[in-house]
Amino acid sequence: MPVQFLRTFVDIRNENANPMIWVMGKPNVSNEEMADELTQILRSARRLKPKAKDNFALNQTSMISRGLDQVFRVINIAGGFIGIFSILVGGFGIATLCLFL
């Protein structure tokens, strides 16, 4: 996205701003190839020395979805235990009512 066009949406002059670049690869280009190329481009744009540590991060949406998958897995397990406990308590309640009828 051209910077001049981006400036109409984001105030890039602010030094506290956390600028982000969203990238989508072309068909038949793997995420690893795209990440390697982006890393090289950003390192040269920021004039980092070969052994210098990266001062930027490349995040992928797959990282976020994996984290959410783990959260929902835990919620599913907890919901299963709650459901089993509810059926057990309901069964005891029905059995108790049947004894008094």
PDB file of N, CA and C in Angstrom:
ATOM      1  N   MET A   1       0.855  -1.161   0.000  1.00  0.00           N
ATOM      2  CA  MET A   1       0.000   0.000   0.000  1.00  0.00           C
ATOM      3  C   MET A   1       0.905   1.230   0.000  1.00  0.00           C
ATOM      4  N   PRO A   2       0.694   2.149  -0.875  1.00  0.00           N
ATOM      5  CA  PRO A   2       1.526   3.358  -0.904  1.00  0.00           C
ATOM      6  C   PRO A   2       1.397   4.157   0.394  1.00  0.00           C
ATOM      7  N   VAL A   3       2.503   4.707   0.853  1.00  0.00           N
ATOM      8  CA  VAL A   3       2.533   5.432   2.115  1.00  0.00           C
ATOM      9  C   VAL A   3       1.624   6.664   2.070  1.00  0.00           C
ATOM     10  N   GLN A   4       1.620   7.387   0.956  1.00  0.00           N
ATOM     11  CA  GLN A   4       0.789   8.586   0.861  1.00  0.00           C
ATOM     12  C   GLN A   4      -0.700   8.224   1.022  1.00  0.00           C
ATOM     13  N   PHE A   5      -1.106   7.106   0.447  1.00  0.00           N
ATOM     14  CA  PHE A   5      -2.496   6.661   0.589  1.00  0.00           C
ATOM     15  C   PHE A   5      -2.768   6.226   2.024  1.00  0.00           C
ATOM     16  N   LEU A   6      -1.796   5.562   2.642  1.00  0.00           N
ATOM     17  CA  LEU A   6      -1.940   5.087   4.011  1.00  0.00           C
ATOM     18  C   LEU A   6      -2.075   6.247   4.991  1.00  0.00           C
ATOM     19  N   ARG A   7      -1.400   7.359   4.709  1.00  0.00           N
ATOM     20  CA  ARG A   7      -1.455   8.521   5.600  1.00  0.00           C
ATOM     21  C   ARG A   7      -2.854   9.113   5.710  1.00  0.00           C
ATOM     22  N   THR A   8      -3.724   8.844   4.739  1.00  0.00           N
ATOM     23  CA  THR A   8      -5.101   9.334   4.846  1.00  0.00           C
ATOM     24  C   THR A   8      -5.872   8.584   5.925  1.00  0.00           C
ATOM     25  N   PHE A   9      -5.395   7.390   6.300  1.00  0.00           N
ATOM     26  CA  PHE A   9      -6.086   6.584   7.312  1.00  0.00           C
ATOM     27  C   PHE A   9      -5.360   6.550   8.646  1.00  0.00           C
ATOM     28  N   VAL A  10      -4.023   6.600   8.627  1.00  0.00           N
ATOM     29  CA  VAL A  10      -3.222   6.443   9.834  1.00  0.00           C
ATOM     30  C   VAL A  10      -2.279   7.621   9.978  1.00  0.00           C
ATOM     31  N   ASP A  11      -2.155   8.123  11.203  1.00  0.00           N
ATOM     32  CA  ASP A  11      -1.216   9.203  11.473  1.00  0.00           C
ATOM     33  C   ASP A  11       0.163   8.583  11.689  1.00  0.00           C
ATOM     34  N   ILE A  12       0.994   8.576  10.660  1.00  0.00           N
ATOM     35  CA  ILE A  12       2.301   7.928  10.740  1.00  0.00           C
ATOM     36  C   ILE A  12       3.333   8.850  11.386  1.00  0.00           C
ATOM     37  N   ARG A  13       3.026  10.121  11.527  1.00  0.00           N
ATOM     38  CA  ARG A  13       3.984  11.063  12.113  1.00  0.00           C
ATOM     39  C   ARG A  13       4.164  10.813  13.602  1.00  0.00           C
ATOM     40  N   ASN A  14       3.170  10.219  14.245  1.00  0.00           N
ATOM     41  CA  ASN A  14       3.244   9.964  15.673  1.00  0.00           C
ATOM     42  C   ASN A  14       4.314   8.909  15.947  1.00  0.00           C
ATOM     43  N   GLU A  15       5.289   9.230  16.796  1.00  0.00           N
ATOM     44  CA  GLU A  15       6.378   8.291  17.055  1.00  0.00           C
ATOM     45  C   GLU A  15       5.939   7.144  17.946  1.00  0.00           C
ATOM     46  N   ASN A  16       4.832   7.295  18.680  1.00  0.00           N
ATOM     47  CA  ASN A  16       4.325   6.215  19.525  1.00  0.00           C
ATOM     48  C   ASN A  16       3.447   5.253  18.744  1.00  0.00           C
ATOM     49  N   ALA A  17       3.178   5.576  17.502  1.00  0.00           N
ATOM     50  CA  ALA A  17       2.303   4.717  16.704  1.00  0.00           C
ATOM     51  C   ALA A  17       2.990   3.380  16.438  1.00  0.00           C
ATOM     52  N   ASN A  18       2.205   2.352  16.330  1.00  0.00           N
ATOM     53  CA  ASN A  18       2.718   1.020  16.051  1.00  0.00           C
ATOM     54  C   ASN A  18       2.298   0.659  14.633  1.00  0.00           C
ATOM     55  N   PRO A  19       3.078   1.042  13.637  1.00  0.00           N
ATOM     56  CA  PRO A  19       2.656   0.796  12.257  1.00  0.00           C
ATOM     57  C   PRO A  19       2.664  -0.689  11.935  1.00  0.00           C
ATOM     58  N   MET A  20       1.660  -1.098  11.200  1.00  0.00           N
ATOM     59  CA  MET A  20       1.549  -2.487  10.789  1.00  0.00           C
ATOM     60  C   MET A  20       1.387  -2.536   9.277  1.00  0.00           C
ATOM     61  N   ILE A  21       1.927  -3.572   8.696  1.00  0.00           N
ATOM     62  CA  ILE A  21       1.786  -3.799   7.271  1.00  0.00           C
ATOM     63  C   ILE A  21       1.110  -5.143   7.098  1.00  0.00           C
ATOM     64  N   TRP A  22      -0.002  -5.159   6.385  1.00  0.00           N
ATOM     65  CA  TRP A  22      -0.712  -6.402   6.113  1.00  0.00           C
ATOM     66  C   TRP A  22      -0.297  -6.882   4.733  1.00  0.00           C
ATOM     67  N   VAL A  23       0.102  -8.138   4.646  1.00  0.00           N
ATOM     68  CA  VAL A  23       0.615  -8.683   3.394  1.00  0.00           C
ATOM     69  C   VAL A  23      -0.125  -9.978   3.065  1.00  0.00           C
ATOM     70  N   MET A  24      -0.463 -10.135   1.803  1.00  0.00           N
ATOM     71  CA  MET A  24      -1.042 -11.387   1.338  1.00  0.00           C
ATOM     72  C   MET A  24      -0.206 -11.868   0.163  1.00  0.00           C
ATOM     73  N   GLY A  25       0.228 -13.108   0.220  1.00  0.00           N
ATOM     74  CA  GLY A  25       1.103 -13.644  -0.810  1.00  0.00           C
ATOM     75  C   GLY A  25       0.355 -13.985  -2.087  1.00  0.00           C
ATOM     76  N   LYS A  26       1.128 -14.080  -3.147  1.00  0.00           N
ATOM     77  CA  LYS A  26       0.572 -14.490  -4.427  1.00  0.00           C
ATOM     78  C   LYS A  26       0.270 -15.985  -4.382  1.00  0.00           C
ATOM     79  N   PRO A  27      -0.579 -16.459  -5.289  1.00  0.00           N
ATOM     80  CA  PRO A  27      -0.836 -17.902  -5.334  1.00  0.00           C
ATOM     81  C   PRO A  27       0.465 -18.672  -5.588  1.00  0.00           C
ATOM     82  N   ASN A  28       0.547 -19.869  -5.045  1.00  0.00           N
ATOM     83  CA  ASN A  28       1.701 -20.764  -5.185  1.00  0.00           C
ATOM     84  C   ASN A  28       2.965 -20.252  -4.504  1.00  0.00           C
ATOM     85  N   VAL A  29       2.831 -19.317  -3.567  1.00  0.00           N
ATOM     86  CA  VAL A  29       3.968 -18.849  -2.768  1.00  0.00           C
ATOM     87  C   VAL A  29       3.702 -19.265  -1.321  1.00  0.00           C
ATOM     88  N   SER A  30       4.616 -20.033  -0.753  1.00  0.00           N
ATOM     89  CA  SER A  30       4.411 -20.515   0.616  1.00  0.00           C
ATOM     90  C   SER A  30       4.612 -19.382   1.622  1.00  0.00           C
ATOM     91  N   ASN A  31       4.056 -19.589   2.802  1.00  0.00           N
ATOM     92  CA  ASN A  31       4.200 -18.582   3.864  1.00  0.00           C
ATOM     93  C   ASN A  31       5.659 -18.417   4.279  1.00  0.00           C
ATOM     94  N   GLU A  32       6.423 -19.517   4.267  1.00  0.00           N
ATOM     95  CA  GLU A  32       7.821 -19.450   4.656  1.00  0.00           C
ATOM     96  C   GLU A  32       8.631 -18.606   3.659  1.00  0.00           C
ATOM     97  N   GLU A  33       8.369 -18.806   2.375  1.00  0.00           N
ATOM     98  CA  GLU A  33       9.073 -18.016   1.352  1.00  0.00           C
ATOM     99  C   GLU A  33       8.730 -16.538   1.488  1.00  0.00           C
ATOM    100  N   MET A  34       7.454 -16.261   1.707  1.00  0.00           N
ATOM    101  CA  MET A  34       7.031 -14.875   1.850  1.00  0.00           C
ATOM    102  C   MET A  34       7.648 -14.243   3.103  1.00  0.00           C
ATOM    103  N   ALA A  35       7.678 -14.989   4.208  1.00  0.00           N
ATOM    104  CA  ALA A  35       8.264 -14.466   5.444  1.00  0.00           C
ATOM    105  C   ALA A  35       9.758 -14.203   5.269  1.00  0.00           C
ATOM    106  N   ASP A  36      10.460 -15.107   4.573  1.00  0.00           N
ATOM    107  CA  ASP A  36      11.887 -14.892   4.339  1.00  0.00           C
ATOM    108  C   ASP A  36      12.132 -13.638   3.504  1.00  0.00           C
ATOM    109  N   GLU A  37      11.337 -13.472   2.459  1.00  0.00           N
ATOM    110  CA  GLU A  37      11.515 -12.296   1.608  1.00  0.00           C
ATOM    111  C   GLU A  37      11.178 -11.008   2.356  1.00  0.00           C
ATOM    112  N   LEU A  38      10.098 -11.030   3.137  1.00  0.00           N
ATOM    113  CA  LEU A  38       9.737  -9.845   3.922  1.00  0.00           C
ATOM    114  C   LEU A  38      10.827  -9.508   4.937  1.00  0.00           C
ATOM    115  N   THR A  39      11.398 -10.535   5.555  1.00  0.00           N
ATOM    116  CA  THR A  39      12.473 -10.302   6.516  1.00  0.00           C
ATOM    117  C   THR A  39      13.659  -9.617   5.841  1.00  0.00           C
ATOM    118  N   GLN A  40      14.040 -10.103   4.680  1.00  0.00           N
ATOM    119  CA  GLN A  40      15.160  -9.493   3.952  1.00  0.00           C
ATOM    120  C   GLN A  40      14.848  -8.047   3.584  1.00  0.00           C
ATOM    121  N   ILE A  41      13.642  -7.800   3.103  1.00  0.00           N
ATOM    122  CA  ILE A  41      13.259  -6.442   2.700  1.00  0.00           C
ATOM    123  C   ILE A  41      13.278  -5.495   3.901  1.00  0.00           C
ATOM    124  N   LEU A  42      12.675  -5.938   5.027  1.00  0.00           N
ATOM    125  CA  LEU A  42      12.619  -5.077   6.205  1.00  0.00           C
ATOM    126  C   LEU A  42      14.004  -4.850   6.805  1.00  0.00           C
ATOM    127  N   ARG A  43      14.862  -5.876   6.799  1.00  0.00           N
ATOM    128  CA  ARG A  43      16.223  -5.697   7.318  1.00  0.00           C
ATOM    129  C   ARG A  43      16.999  -4.684   6.487  1.00  0.00           C
ATOM    130  N   SER A  44      16.835  -4.752   5.160  1.00  0.00           N
ATOM    131  CA  SER A  44      17.563  -3.786   4.326  1.00  0.00           C
ATOM    132  C   SER A  44      16.959  -2.392   4.456  1.00  0.00           C
ATOM    133  N   ALA A  45      15.647  -2.292   4.585  1.00  0.00           N
ATOM    134  CA  ALA A  45      15.007  -0.987   4.733  1.00  0.00           C
ATOM    135  C   ALA A  45      15.401  -0.327   6.053  1.00  0.00           C
ATOM    136  N   ARG A  46      15.602  -1.136   7.086  1.00  0.00           N
ATOM    137  CA  ARG A  46      15.981  -0.591   8.391  1.00  0.00           C
ATOM    138  C   ARG A  46      17.496  -0.538   8.568  1.00  0.00           C
ATOM    139  N   ARG A  47      18.230  -0.925   7.523  1.00  0.00           N
ATOM    140  CA  ARG A  47      19.695  -0.884   7.498  1.00  0.00           C
ATOM    141  C   ARG A  47      20.317  -1.638   8.679  1.00  0.00           C
ATOM    142  N   LEU A  48      19.819  -2.862   8.906  1.00  0.00           N
ATOM    143  CA  LEU A  48      20.356  -3.687   9.982  1.00  0.00           C
ATOM    144  C   LEU A  48      21.596  -4.428   9.486  1.00  0.00           C
ATOM    145  N   LYS A  49      22.577  -4.546  10.352  1.00  0.00           N
ATOM    146  CA  LYS A  49      23.794  -5.283  10.014  1.00  0.00           C
ATOM    147  C   LYS A  49      23.467  -6.777   9.978  1.00  0.00           C
ATOM    148  N   PRO A  50      24.278  -7.574   9.251  1.00  0.00           N
ATOM    149  CA  PRO A  50      23.964  -9.004   9.091  1.00  0.00           C
ATOM    150  C   PRO A  50      23.769  -9.769  10.394  1.00  0.00           C
ATOM    151  N   LYS A  51      24.555  -9.464  11.427  1.00  0.00           N
ATOM    152  CA  LYS A  51      24.422 -10.202  12.684  1.00  0.00           C
ATOM    153  C   LYS A  51      23.520  -9.500  13.692  1.00  0.00           C
ATOM    154  N   ALA A  52      22.962  -8.361  13.318  1.00  0.00           N
ATOM    155  CA  ALA A  52      22.095  -7.621  14.237  1.00  0.00           C
ATOM    156  C   ALA A  52      20.760  -8.332  14.371  1.00  0.00           C
ATOM    157  N   LYS A  53      20.180  -8.182  15.544  1.00  0.00           N
ATOM    158  CA  LYS A  53      18.886  -8.786  15.830  1.00  0.00           C
ATOM    159  C   LYS A  53      17.786  -7.998  15.117  1.00  0.00           C
ATOM    160  N   ASP A  54      16.728  -8.688  14.681  1.00  0.00           N
ATOM    161  CA  ASP A  54      15.602  -8.007  14.030  1.00  0.00           C
ATOM    162  C   ASP A  54      14.922  -7.064  15.013  1.00  0.00           C
ATOM    163  N   ASN A  55      14.597  -5.859  14.572  1.00  0.00           N
ATOM    164  CA  ASN A  55      13.871  -4.913  15.415  1.00  0.00           C
ATOM    165  C   ASN A  55      12.429  -4.759  14.911  1.00  0.00           C
ATOM    166  N   PHE A  56      11.898  -5.851  14.384  1.00  0.00           N
ATOM    167  CA  PHE A  56      10.525  -5.904  13.898  1.00  0.00           C
ATOM    168  C   PHE A  56      10.023  -7.331  14.097  1.00  0.00           C
ATOM    169  N   ALA A  57       8.741  -7.524  13.952  1.00  0.00           N
ATOM    170  CA  ALA A  57       8.146  -8.853  14.123  1.00  0.00           C
ATOM    171  C   ALA A  57       7.247  -9.167  12.936  1.00  0.00           C
ATOM    172  N   LEU A  58       7.274 -10.407  12.525  1.00  0.00           N
ATOM    173  CA  LEU A  58       6.362 -10.887  11.488  1.00  0.00           C
ATOM    174  C   LEU A  58       5.368 -11.835  12.160  1.00  0.00           C
ATOM    175  N   ASN A  59       4.127 -11.460  12.182  1.00  0.00           N
ATOM    176  CA  ASN A  59       3.086 -12.290  12.779  1.00  0.00           C
ATOM    177  C   ASN A  59       2.210 -12.872  11.683  1.00  0.00           C
ATOM    178  N   GLN A  60       1.756 -14.087  11.889  1.00  0.00           N
ATOM    179  CA  GLN A  60       0.890 -14.739  10.921  1.00  0.00           C
ATOM    180  C   GLN A  60      -0.452 -15.017  11.583  1.00  0.00           C
ATOM    181  N   THR A  61      -1.515 -14.961  10.798  1.00  0.00           N
ATOM    182  CA  THR A  61      -2.840 -15.230  11.358  1.00  0.00           C
ATOM    183  C   THR A  61      -2.954 -16.660  11.855  1.00  0.00           C
ATOM    184  N   SER A  62      -2.150 -17.564  11.321  1.00  0.00           N
ATOM    185  CA  SER A  62      -2.198 -18.948  11.786  1.00  0.00           C
ATOM    186  C   SER A  62      -1.750 -19.041  13.246  1.00  0.00           C
ATOM    187  N   MET A  63      -0.868 -18.144  13.682  1.00  0.00           N
ATOM    188  CA  MET A  63      -0.442 -18.134  15.077  1.00  0.00           C
ATOM    189  C   MET A  63      -1.613 -17.792  15.988  1.00  0.00           C
ATOM    190  N   ILE A  64      -2.414 -16.840  15.579  1.00  0.00           N
ATOM    191  CA  ILE A  64      -3.576 -16.432  16.369  1.00  0.00           C
ATOM    192  C   ILE A  64      -4.610 -17.546  16.401  1.00  0.00           C
ATOM    193  N   SER A  65      -4.861 -18.160  15.249  1.00  0.00           N
ATOM    194  CA  SER A  65      -5.883 -19.210  15.197  1.00  0.00           C
ATOM    195  C   SER A  65      -5.457 -20.429  16.011  1.00  0.00           C
ATOM    196  N   ARG A  66      -4.146 -20.753  16.049  1.00  0.00           N
ATOM    197  CA  ARG A  66      -3.686 -21.869  16.886  1.00  0.00           C
ATOM    198  C   ARG A  66      -3.932 -21.571  18.361  1.00  0.00           C
ATOM    199  N   GLY A  67      -3.691 -20.331  18.777  1.00  0.00           N
ATOM    200  CA  GLY A  67      -3.943 -19.940  20.169  1.00  0.00           C
ATOM    201  C   GLY A  67      -5.412 -20.038  20.514  1.00  0.00           C
ATOM    202  N   LEU A  68      -6.262 -19.586  19.598  1.00  0.00           N
ATOM    203  CA  LEU A  68      -7.703 -19.676  19.842  1.00  0.00           C
ATOM    204  C   LEU A  68      -8.181 -21.118  19.849  1.00  0.00           C
ATOM    205  N   ASP A  69      -7.589 -21.967  19.017  1.00  0.00           N
ATOM    206  CA  ASP A  69      -7.944 -23.388  19.012  1.00  0.00           C
ATOM    207  C   ASP A  69      -7.683 -24.016  20.376  1.00  0.00           C
ATOM    208  N   GLN A  70      -6.565 -23.663  20.994  1.00  0.00           N
ATOM    209  CA  GLN A  70      -6.251 -24.204  22.321  1.00  0.00           C
ATOM    210  C   GLN A  70      -7.256 -23.726  23.364  1.00  0.00           C
ATOM    211  N   VAL A  71      -7.636 -22.461  23.290  1.00  0.00           N
ATOM    212  CA  VAL A  71      -8.610 -21.924  24.239  1.00  0.00           C
ATOM    213  C   VAL A  71      -9.944 -22.644  24.085  1.00  0.00           C
ATOM    214  N   PHE A  72     -10.404 -22.825  22.850  1.00  0.00           N
ATOM    215  CA  PHE A  72     -11.690 -23.485  22.634  1.00  0.00           C
ATOM    216  C   PHE A  72     -11.626 -24.964  22.989  1.00  0.00           C
ATOM    217  N   ARG A  73     -10.475 -25.594  22.859  1.00  0.00           N
ATOM    218  CA  ARG A  73     -10.327 -26.987  23.267  1.00  0.00           C
ATOM    219  C   ARG A  73     -10.554 -27.108  24.775  1.00  0.00           C
ATOM    220  N   VAL A  74      -9.975 -26.191  25.548  1.00  0.00           N
ATOM    221  CA  VAL A  74     -10.153 -26.192  27.007  1.00  0.00           C
ATOM    222  C   VAL A  74     -11.608 -25.922  27.359  1.00  0.00           C
ATOM    223  N   ILE A  75     -12.244 -24.975  26.655  1.00  0.00           N
ATOM    224  CA  ILE A  75     -13.654 -24.671  26.912  1.00  0.00           C
ATOM    225  C   ILE A  75     -14.527 -25.887  26.601  1.00  0.00           C
ATOM    226  N   ASN A  76     -14.222 -26.625  25.535  1.00  0.00           N
ATOM    227  CA  ASN A  76     -14.977 -27.834  25.196  1.00  0.00           C
ATOM    228  C   ASN A  76     -14.855 -28.893  26.280  1.00  0.00           C
ATOM    229  N   ILE A  77     -13.656 -29.094  26.780  1.00  0.00           N
ATOM    230  CA  ILE A  77     -13.439 -30.091  27.829  1.00  0.00           C
ATOM    231  C   ILE A  77     -14.189 -29.688  29.094  1.00  0.00           C
ATOM    232  N   ALA A  78     -14.084 -28.410  29.483  1.00  0.00           N
ATOM    233  CA  ALA A  78     -14.789 -27.934  30.678  1.00  0.00           C
ATOM    234  C   ALA A  78     -16.302 -28.066  30.491  1.00  0.00           C
ATOM    235  N   GLY A  79     -16.804 -27.741  29.301  1.00  0.00           N
ATOM    236  CA  GLY A  79     -18.237 -27.882  29.035  1.00  0.00           C
ATOM    237  C   GLY A  79     -18.681 -29.327  29.099  1.00  0.00           C
ATOM    238  N   GLY A  80     -17.834 -30.240  28.646  1.00  0.00           N
ATOM    239  CA  GLY A  80     -18.164 -31.670  28.730  1.00  0.00           C
ATOM    240  C   GLY A  80     -18.280 -32.132  30.169  1.00  0.00           C
ATOM    241  N   PHE A  81     -17.325 -31.716  31.011  1.00  0.00           N
ATOM    242  CA  PHE A  81     -17.401 -32.087  32.424  1.00  0.00           C
ATOM    243  C   PHE A  81     -18.638 -31.502  33.097  1.00  0.00           C
ATOM    244  N   ILE A  82     -18.956 -30.267  32.789  1.00  0.00           N
ATOM    245  CA  ILE A  82     -20.147 -29.642  33.371  1.00  0.00           C
ATOM    246  C   ILE A  82     -21.402 -30.377  32.916  1.00  0.00           C
ATOM    247  N   GLY A  83     -21.445 -30.757  31.631  1.00  0.00           N
ATOM    248  CA  GLY A  83     -22.600 -31.495  31.116  1.00  0.00           C
ATOM    249  C   GLY A  83     -22.765 -32.847  31.787  1.00  0.00           C
ATOM    250  N   ILE A  84     -21.660 -33.594  31.949  1.00  0.00           N
ATOM    251  CA  ILE A  84     -21.725 -34.902  32.610  1.00  0.00           C
ATOM    252  C   ILE A  84     -22.170 -34.740  34.054  1.00  0.00           C
ATOM    253  N   PHE A  85     -21.637 -33.743  34.748  1.00  0.00           N
ATOM    254  CA  PHE A  85     -22.025 -33.493  36.138  1.00  0.00           C
ATOM    255  C   PHE A  85     -23.511 -33.133  36.223  1.00  0.00           C
ATOM    256  N   SER A  86     -24.010 -32.335  35.286  1.00  0.00           N
ATOM    257  CA  SER A  86     -25.421 -31.946  35.287  1.00  0.00           C
ATOM    258  C   SER A  86     -26.332 -33.159  35.082  1.00  0.00           C
ATOM    259  N   ILE A  87     -25.949 -34.052  34.171  1.00  0.00           N
ATOM    260  CA  ILE A  87     -26.751 -35.258  33.937  1.00  0.00           C
ATOM    261  C   ILE A  87     -26.747 -36.145  35.180  1.00  0.00           C
ATOM    262  N   LEU A  88     -25.604 -36.244  35.843  1.00  0.00           N
ATOM    263  CA  LEU A  88     -25.499 -37.050  37.056  1.00  0.00           C
ATOM    264  C   LEU A  88     -26.392 -36.489  38.164  1.00  0.00           C
ATOM    265  N   VAL A  89     -26.343 -35.182  38.375  1.00  0.00           N
ATOM    266  CA  VAL A  89     -27.169 -34.544  39.400  1.00  0.00           C
ATOM    267  C   VAL A  89     -28.653 -34.685  39.052  1.00  0.00           C
ATOM    268  N   GLY A  90     -28.994 -34.496  37.791  1.00  0.00           N
ATOM    269  CA  GLY A  90     -30.391 -34.655  37.370  1.00  0.00           C
ATOM    270  C   GLY A  90     -30.882 -36.078  37.573  1.00  0.00           C
ATOM    271  N   GLY A  91     -30.013 -37.049  37.292  1.00  0.00           N
ATOM    272  CA  GLY A  91     -30.383 -38.454  37.496  1.00  0.00           C
ATOM    273  C   GLY A  91     -30.666 -38.750  38.958  1.00  0.00           C
ATOM    274  N   PHE A  92     -29.830 -38.223  39.851  1.00  0.00           N
ATOM    275  CA  PHE A  92     -30.084 -38.412  41.286  1.00  0.00           C
ATOM    276  C   PHE A  92     -31.382 -37.736  41.709  1.00  0.00           C
ATOM    277  N   GLY A  93     -31.651 -36.569  41.151  1.00  0.00           N
ATOM    278  CA  GLY A  93     -32.899 -35.861  41.476  1.00  0.00           C
ATOM    279  C   GLY A  93     -34.114 -36.647  41.035  1.00  0.00           C
ATOM    280  N   ILE A  94     -34.095 -37.201  39.837  1.00  0.00           N
ATOM    281  CA  ILE A  94     -35.225 -37.995  39.333  1.00  0.00           C
ATOM    282  C   ILE A  94     -35.372 -39.266  40.148  1.00  0.00           C
ATOM    283  N   ALA A  95     -34.245 -39.924  40.505  1.00  0.00           N
ATOM    284  CA  ALA A  95     -34.306 -41.137  41.299  1.00  0.00           C
ATOM    285  C   ALA A  95     -34.890 -40.864  42.679  1.00  0.00           C
ATOM    286  N   THR A  96     -34.547 -39.726  43.256  1.00  0.00           N
ATOM    287  CA  THR A  96     -35.084 -39.367  44.570  1.00  0.00           C
ATOM    288  C   THR A  96     -36.583 -39.118  44.484  1.00  0.00           C
ATOM    289  N   LEU A  97     -37.043 -38.456  43.416  1.00  0.00           N
ATOM    290  CA  LEU A  97     -38.481 -38.210  43.260  1.00  0.00           C
ATOM    291  C   LEU A  97     -39.245 -39.517  43.082  1.00  0.00           C
ATOM    292  N   CYS A  98     -38.649 -40.458  42.368  1.00  0.00           N
ATOM    293  CA  CYS A  98     -39.324 -41.736  42.145  1.00  0.00           C
ATOM    294  C   CYS A  98     -39.471 -42.525  43.432  1.00  0.00           C
ATOM    295  N   LEU A  99     -38.558 -42.360  44.375  1.00  0.00           N
ATOM    296  CA  LEU A  99     -38.648 -43.068  45.663  1.00  0.00           C
ATOM    297  C   LEU A  99     -39.823 -42.566  46.480  1.00  0.00           C
ATOM    298  N   PHE A 100     -40.149 -41.278  46.365  1.00  0.00           N
ATOM    299  CA  PHE A 100     -41.202 -40.700  47.201  1.00  0.00           C
ATOM    300  C   PHE A 100     -42.572 -40.777  46.562  1.00  0.00           C
ATOM    301  N   LEU A 101     -42.679 -41.226  45.325  1.00  0.00           N
ATOM    302  CA  LEU A 101     -43.993 -41.310  44.687  1.00  0.00           C
ATOM    303  C   LEU A 101     -44.649 -42.607  44.912  1.00  0.00           C
TER     304      LEU A 101
END
